[in-house]
């Protein structure tokens, strides 16, 4: 079965949203409350980094741009979150 680019984007954005929830920048979907948990954020950022490494050379330009841009932004937000903690 061929992997749909939209499924890859959905996975990438899901992990990114989970990281944003951990950074306290988005409310938790189930409760609607915003809570900061840098461990959760770091875990999801690490998953995205692993996904980038494991898919190296197999992504189309749009997928690669999405993943790299998201990782860059999340890493910056993580560093900012650590400074405020």
C-alpha atoms as a PDB file:
ATOM      1  CA  UNK A   1       0.000   0.000   0.000  1.00  0.00           C
ATOM      2  CA  UNK A   2       1.407   3.371  -1.018  1.00  0.00           C
ATOM      3  CA  UNK A   3       1.774   5.937   1.763  1.00  0.00           C
ATOM      4  CA  UNK A   4      -0.322   9.022   1.164  1.00  0.00           C
ATOM      5  CA  UNK A   5       1.505  12.328   1.655  1.00  0.00           C
ATOM      6  CA  UNK A   6      -1.520  13.621   3.527  1.00  0.00           C
ATOM      7  CA  UNK A   7      -1.156  10.793   6.076  1.00  0.00           C
ATOM      8  CA  UNK A   8       2.483  11.714   6.629  1.00  0.00           C
ATOM      9  CA  UNK A   9       1.493  15.336   7.120  1.00  0.00           C
ATOM     10  CA  UNK A  10      -1.236  14.316   9.538  1.00  0.00           C
ATOM     11  CA  UNK A  11       1.208  12.247  11.597  1.00  0.00           C
ATOM     12  CA  UNK A  12       3.749  15.065  11.605  1.00  0.00           C
ATOM     13  CA  UNK A  13       1.218  17.685  12.640  1.00  0.00           C
ATOM     14  CA  UNK A  14      -0.260  15.400  15.311  1.00  0.00           C
ATOM     15  CA  UNK A  15       3.132  14.991  16.955  1.00  0.00           C
ATOM     16  CA  UNK A  16       3.731  18.727  16.603  1.00  0.00           C
ATOM     17  CA  UNK A  17       0.422  19.533  18.274  1.00  0.00           C
ATOM     18  CA  UNK A  18       1.240  17.143  21.114  1.00  0.00           C
ATOM     19  CA  UNK A  19       4.532  19.005  21.603  1.00  0.00           C
ATOM     20  CA  UNK A  20       2.691  22.347  21.637  1.00  0.00           C
ATOM     21  CA  UNK A  21       0.329  21.002  24.296  1.00  0.00           C
ATOM     22  CA  UNK A  22       3.359  19.944  26.362  1.00  0.00           C
ATOM     23  CA  UNK A  23       4.864  23.402  25.921  1.00  0.00           C
ATOM     24  CA  UNK A  24       1.672  24.910  27.287  1.00  0.00           C
ATOM     25  CA  UNK A  25       1.013  26.750  24.026  1.00  0.00           C
ATOM     26  CA  UNK A  26      -2.172  24.850  23.170  1.00  0.00           C
ATOM     27  CA  UNK A  27      -4.915  23.564  25.438  1.00  0.00           C
ATOM     28  CA  UNK A  28      -5.170  19.834  26.045  1.00  0.00           C
ATOM     29  CA  UNK A  29      -7.908  18.502  23.720  1.00  0.00           C
ATOM     30  CA  UNK A  30      -9.657  16.389  26.358  1.00  0.00           C
ATOM     31  CA  UNK A  31      -9.832  18.952  29.147  1.00  0.00           C
ATOM     32  CA  UNK A  32      -9.424  22.268  27.356  1.00  0.00           C
ATOM     33  CA  UNK A  33      -6.883  23.264  29.999  1.00  0.00           C
ATOM     34  CA  UNK A  34      -3.416  24.567  29.246  1.00  0.00           C
ATOM     35  CA  UNK A  35      -0.678  22.901  31.282  1.00  0.00           C
ATOM     36  CA  UNK A  36       3.067  22.943  30.715  1.00  0.00           C
ATOM     37  CA  UNK A  37       4.908  19.601  30.722  1.00  0.00           C
ATOM     38  CA  UNK A  38       8.339  19.953  29.123  1.00  0.00           C
ATOM     39  CA  UNK A  39       8.940  16.198  29.357  1.00  0.00           C
ATOM     40  CA  UNK A  40       5.960  15.544  27.079  1.00  0.00           C
ATOM     41  CA  UNK A  41       7.105  18.285  24.731  1.00  0.00           C
ATOM     42  CA  UNK A  42      10.646  16.899  24.563  1.00  0.00           C
ATOM     43  CA  UNK A  43       9.349  13.379  23.924  1.00  0.00           C
ATOM     44  CA  UNK A  44       7.264  14.496  20.950  1.00  0.00           C
ATOM     45  CA  UNK A  45      10.090  16.625  19.545  1.00  0.00           C
ATOM     46  CA  UNK A  46      12.385  13.593  19.808  1.00  0.00           C
ATOM     47  CA  UNK A  47       9.797  11.479  17.966  1.00  0.00           C
ATOM     48  CA  UNK A  48       9.721  14.031  15.146  1.00  0.00           C
ATOM     49  CA  UNK A  49      13.534  14.074  15.008  1.00  0.00           C
ATOM     50  CA  UNK A  50      13.579  10.272  14.832  1.00  0.00           C
ATOM     51  CA  UNK A  51      10.946  10.355  12.086  1.00  0.00           C
ATOM     52  CA  UNK A  52      13.097  12.826  10.144  1.00  0.00           C
ATOM     53  CA  UNK A  53      16.147  10.584  10.481  1.00  0.00           C
ATOM     54  CA  UNK A  54      14.310   7.376   9.553  1.00  0.00           C
ATOM     55  CA  UNK A  55      12.641   8.929   6.495  1.00  0.00           C
ATOM     56  CA  UNK A  56      15.764  10.695   5.194  1.00  0.00           C
ATOM     57  CA  UNK A  57      15.826  10.481   1.398  1.00  0.00           C
ATOM     58  CA  UNK A  58      12.257   9.165   1.184  1.00  0.00           C
ATOM     59  CA  UNK A  59      10.232  12.356   1.580  1.00  0.00           C
ATOM     60  CA  UNK A  60       8.973  14.626  -1.154  1.00  0.00           C
ATOM     61  CA  UNK A  61      10.011  18.298  -0.882  1.00  0.00           C
ATOM     62  CA  UNK A  62       6.731  19.365   0.738  1.00  0.00           C
ATOM     63  CA  UNK A  63       6.938  16.641   3.397  1.00  0.00           C
ATOM     64  CA  UNK A  64      10.585  17.434   4.095  1.00  0.00           C
ATOM     65  CA  UNK A  65       9.854  21.158   4.377  1.00  0.00           C
ATOM     66  CA  UNK A  66       6.942  20.525   6.747  1.00  0.00           C
ATOM     67  CA  UNK A  67       8.972  18.251   9.016  1.00  0.00           C
ATOM     68  CA  UNK A  68      12.100  20.432   9.087  1.00  0.00           C
ATOM     69  CA  UNK A  69      10.146  23.641   9.649  1.00  0.00           C
ATOM     70  CA  UNK A  70       8.069  22.117  12.411  1.00  0.00           C
ATOM     71  CA  UNK A  71      11.132  20.713  14.165  1.00  0.00           C
ATOM     72  CA  UNK A  72      12.922  24.048  13.947  1.00  0.00           C
ATOM     73  CA  UNK A  73       9.967  25.965  15.388  1.00  0.00           C
ATOM     74  CA  UNK A  74       9.323  23.442  18.160  1.00  0.00           C
ATOM     75  CA  UNK A  75      12.965  23.357  19.207  1.00  0.00           C
ATOM     76  CA  UNK A  76      13.010  27.158  19.505  1.00  0.00           C
ATOM     77  CA  UNK A  77       9.783  27.138  21.523  1.00  0.00           C
ATOM     78  CA  UNK A  78      11.197  24.383  23.749  1.00  0.00           C
ATOM     79  CA  UNK A  79      14.310  26.429  24.531  1.00  0.00           C
ATOM     80  CA  UNK A  80      12.109  29.453  25.297  1.00  0.00           C
ATOM     81  CA  UNK A  81       9.942  27.258  27.532  1.00  0.00           C
ATOM     82  CA  UNK A  82      12.979  26.035  29.456  1.00  0.00           C
ATOM     83  CA  UNK A  83      14.082  29.614  30.121  1.00  0.00           C
ATOM     84  CA  UNK A  84      10.666  30.452  31.587  1.00  0.00           C
ATOM     85  CA  UNK A  85      10.525  27.308  33.751  1.00  0.00           C
END
